[in-house]
Protein backbone atom coordinates (compact mmCIF):
# COMPACT_ATOMS: atom_id res chain seq x y z
CA MET A 1 156.77 -20.57 -80.67
CA LYS A 2 157.23 -24.33 -80.96
CA LYS A 3 154.91 -24.93 -78.01
CA ILE A 4 152.09 -22.95 -79.68
CA ILE A 5 152.33 -25.05 -82.87
CA PHE A 6 152.74 -28.33 -80.99
CA ILE A 7 149.48 -28.14 -78.98
CA PRO A 8 147.09 -27.78 -81.97
CA LEU A 9 149.03 -30.47 -83.81
CA LEU A 10 148.75 -32.82 -80.83
CA VAL A 11 145.02 -32.12 -80.48
CA ALA A 12 144.51 -32.80 -84.21
CA LEU A 13 146.50 -36.03 -84.03
CA VAL A 14 144.65 -37.36 -80.97
CA THR A 15 141.28 -36.41 -82.47
CA GLY A 16 142.18 -38.13 -85.72
CA LEU A 17 143.20 -41.31 -83.91
CA LEU A 18 140.00 -41.33 -81.86
CA LEU A 19 137.84 -40.80 -84.92
CA ALA A 20 139.65 -43.45 -86.93
CA GLY A 21 138.75 -46.01 -84.28
CA CYS A 22 135.06 -45.38 -84.98
CA LEU A 23 135.34 -46.26 -88.67
CA GLY A 24 136.41 -49.88 -88.65
CA THR A 25 134.41 -53.07 -88.78
CA PRO A 26 134.09 -55.56 -85.92
CA ASP A 27 136.20 -58.73 -85.99
CA ASN A 28 134.92 -61.30 -88.49
CA ILE A 29 132.20 -58.98 -89.83
CA LYS A 30 132.29 -58.35 -93.56
CA PRO A 31 130.11 -55.79 -95.32
CA VAL A 32 127.87 -57.23 -98.00
CA THR A 33 129.29 -57.07 -101.51
CA ASN A 34 127.30 -56.31 -104.65
CA PHE A 35 125.48 -53.74 -102.52
CA GLN A 36 122.95 -51.71 -104.49
CA ALA A 37 122.49 -48.31 -102.89
CA GLU A 38 119.45 -47.47 -105.01
CA LYS A 39 117.64 -50.55 -103.65
CA PHE A 40 118.63 -49.61 -100.09
CA LEU A 41 117.09 -46.12 -100.32
CA GLY A 42 113.77 -45.43 -98.63
CA THR A 43 112.42 -46.15 -95.17
CA TRP A 44 113.55 -49.00 -92.94
CA TYR A 45 111.78 -49.91 -89.68
CA GLU A 46 113.85 -50.88 -86.69
CA ILE A 47 112.64 -54.29 -85.56
CA ALA A 48 115.22 -54.76 -82.80
CA ARG A 49 118.48 -53.25 -81.58
CA LEU A 50 121.19 -53.59 -79.01
CA ASP A 51 120.26 -50.50 -77.03
CA TYR A 52 122.53 -47.51 -76.76
CA ILE A 53 122.28 -43.99 -75.39
CA HIS A 54 120.97 -42.23 -78.51
CA GLU A 55 117.95 -44.54 -78.80
CA LYS A 56 117.11 -45.33 -75.17
CA GLY A 57 113.36 -45.17 -74.64
CA LEU A 58 112.52 -44.78 -78.33
CA ASN A 59 109.89 -46.75 -80.22
CA GLN A 60 108.45 -46.34 -83.72
CA VAL A 61 112.06 -46.00 -84.89
CA THR A 62 112.71 -45.59 -88.59
CA ALA A 63 115.69 -44.73 -90.74
CA THR A 64 115.05 -43.11 -94.11
CA TYR A 65 117.77 -42.92 -96.74
CA SER A 66 117.81 -40.73 -99.84
CA LEU A 67 120.41 -39.49 -102.28
CA ARG A 68 121.95 -36.16 -101.40
CA THR A 69 124.56 -36.30 -104.17
CA ALA A 70 125.96 -39.08 -106.35
CA ASP A 71 128.33 -40.08 -103.53
CA GLU A 72 126.41 -38.99 -100.43
CA LEU A 73 123.26 -40.22 -98.74
CA LYS A 74 120.93 -38.25 -96.51
CA VAL A 75 119.93 -40.18 -93.38
CA VAL A 76 116.92 -39.28 -91.25
CA ASN A 77 116.48 -41.29 -88.05
CA ARG A 78 113.19 -40.84 -86.24
CA GLY A 79 111.72 -42.32 -83.09
CA TYR A 80 108.94 -41.71 -80.60
CA GLU A 81 109.87 -41.00 -76.99
CA SER A 82 106.85 -42.25 -75.06
CA LYS A 83 107.87 -40.80 -71.67
CA LYS A 84 107.84 -37.28 -73.13
CA SER A 85 105.15 -37.91 -75.78
CA ARG A 86 107.30 -36.48 -78.53
CA TRP A 87 109.14 -37.40 -81.68
CA LYS A 88 112.92 -37.19 -81.87
CA GLU A 89 114.59 -36.80 -85.23
CA SER A 90 118.19 -36.63 -86.36
CA GLU A 91 119.43 -35.83 -89.84
CA GLY A 92 122.84 -36.97 -90.96
CA LYS A 93 124.89 -37.85 -93.97
CA ALA A 94 126.58 -41.05 -95.08
CA PHE A 95 129.45 -41.77 -97.46
CA PHE A 96 130.63 -45.07 -98.91
CA VAL A 97 133.98 -46.16 -97.47
CA ASP A 98 135.09 -48.79 -100.01
CA GLY A 99 132.92 -48.02 -103.03
CA LYS A 100 129.18 -48.09 -103.67
CA ASP A 101 129.17 -51.86 -104.19
CA LYS A 102 129.92 -52.59 -100.50
CA GLY A 103 127.53 -52.11 -97.61
CA TYR A 104 130.13 -50.15 -95.67
CA LEU A 105 129.49 -46.47 -94.98
CA LYS A 106 130.60 -43.80 -92.59
CA VAL A 107 127.75 -41.82 -91.05
CA SER A 108 127.74 -38.47 -89.30
CA PHE A 109 124.95 -36.83 -87.35
CA PHE A 110 127.31 -34.31 -85.81
CA TRP A 111 130.30 -33.12 -87.85
CA PRO A 112 133.23 -33.89 -87.58
CA PHE A 113 132.32 -37.17 -85.85
CA TYR A 114 131.69 -40.23 -87.99
CA SER A 115 130.90 -43.81 -87.15
CA SER A 116 130.80 -46.98 -89.18
CA TYR A 117 127.58 -48.25 -90.66
CA VAL A 118 128.12 -51.83 -91.80
CA VAL A 119 125.37 -53.72 -93.61
CA PHE A 120 126.58 -57.29 -93.10
CA ASP A 121 123.48 -59.18 -94.16
CA ILE A 122 120.67 -58.23 -96.55
CA ASP A 123 118.21 -60.33 -98.48
CA ASP A 124 118.08 -60.27 -102.29
CA ASN A 125 114.93 -58.12 -102.32
CA TYR A 126 116.26 -55.57 -99.80
CA GLN A 127 113.45 -56.26 -97.33
CA TYR A 128 115.52 -57.26 -94.26
CA ALA A 129 118.98 -56.23 -93.10
CA LEU A 130 121.45 -56.69 -90.27
CA VAL A 131 123.57 -53.62 -89.52
CA THR A 132 126.34 -52.88 -87.05
CA SER A 133 128.92 -50.18 -86.39
CA SER A 134 132.60 -50.53 -85.57
CA GLU A 135 131.78 -52.62 -82.49
CA LYS A 136 129.60 -55.64 -81.80
CA SER A 137 127.87 -53.73 -79.01
CA ASN A 138 125.77 -52.15 -81.79
CA LEU A 139 123.30 -54.16 -83.84
CA TRP A 140 120.14 -53.25 -85.70
CA ILE A 141 117.61 -55.58 -87.29
CA LEU A 142 115.85 -53.58 -90.00
CA ALA A 143 112.89 -54.31 -92.25
CA ARG A 144 110.83 -52.51 -94.86
CA THR A 145 107.67 -53.16 -92.86
CA PRO A 146 106.91 -52.32 -89.21
CA THR A 147 106.63 -56.00 -88.29
CA ILE A 148 108.08 -59.24 -89.62
CA SER A 149 107.14 -62.87 -89.23
CA GLY A 150 108.49 -64.88 -86.31
CA GLU A 151 110.36 -67.13 -88.73
CA ILE A 152 112.20 -64.25 -90.41
CA LYS A 153 112.95 -62.65 -87.03
CA ALA A 154 114.35 -65.92 -85.68
CA ASN A 155 116.47 -66.35 -88.82
CA LEU A 156 117.96 -62.84 -88.51
CA ILE A 157 118.64 -63.30 -84.79
CA ALA A 158 120.34 -66.64 -85.49
CA LYS A 159 122.56 -65.00 -88.13
CA ALA A 160 123.53 -62.22 -85.69
CA THR A 161 124.21 -64.74 -82.91
CA ALA A 162 126.41 -66.79 -85.26
CA GLN A 163 128.44 -63.62 -85.92
CA GLY A 164 129.10 -63.15 -82.18
CA PHE A 165 126.47 -60.56 -81.23
CA ASP A 166 124.87 -60.89 -77.77
CA THR A 167 121.30 -61.17 -79.02
CA SER A 168 120.02 -61.92 -75.51
CA LYS A 169 120.20 -58.15 -74.97
CA LEU A 170 118.11 -57.19 -77.99
CA VAL A 171 115.44 -54.55 -77.45
CA PHE A 172 112.40 -55.26 -79.63
CA VAL A 173 110.99 -52.01 -80.93
CA GLU A 174 107.30 -51.28 -80.65
CA GLN A 175 106.06 -50.24 -84.06
CA THR A 176 102.38 -49.50 -83.42
CA GLU A 177 100.94 -46.68 -85.44
CA ILE A 178 101.18 -43.24 -83.81
CA ALA A 179 100.16 -40.14 -85.73
CA LYS A 180 103.34 -38.88 -87.40
CA SER A 181 102.32 -35.25 -86.93
CA GLN A 182 102.59 -35.41 -83.15
């Protein structure tokens, strides 16, 4: 009998430990304070990213945030996969980790798995943001418009570099207009 109880308990413990590792913040990265979720809502265009498996080959990438409940955000990530001439879309949910006044959320696109979503730099008008996860191998430069000036881009890249991100590996996202109905 003890063996039957032990195995599910062990699986639950290991799973919990693995998932907990995905919810931290990278060394020396602090989420923005005085975060205003209502100003963050809406569509953000991905200007550049450190590439990872879920976005490989995608352009026209956007992330749209809306309120699902008072404490939960709906997240819709969308991108165009040119090789297959099709749109890919994922819907998830996000919850604030340390209160709504910090840019630190946990996001899930596949329950029960969550990952950190850390807004560590955002301008006063909520037009540009730097976002990471629990590791510095993930970085997103986001903007409210599909393109940004070279000066703003250089400033955001310099901020990310100063925080220890390897910006030499950034993938700059093509944001030309493609019919959204495709």
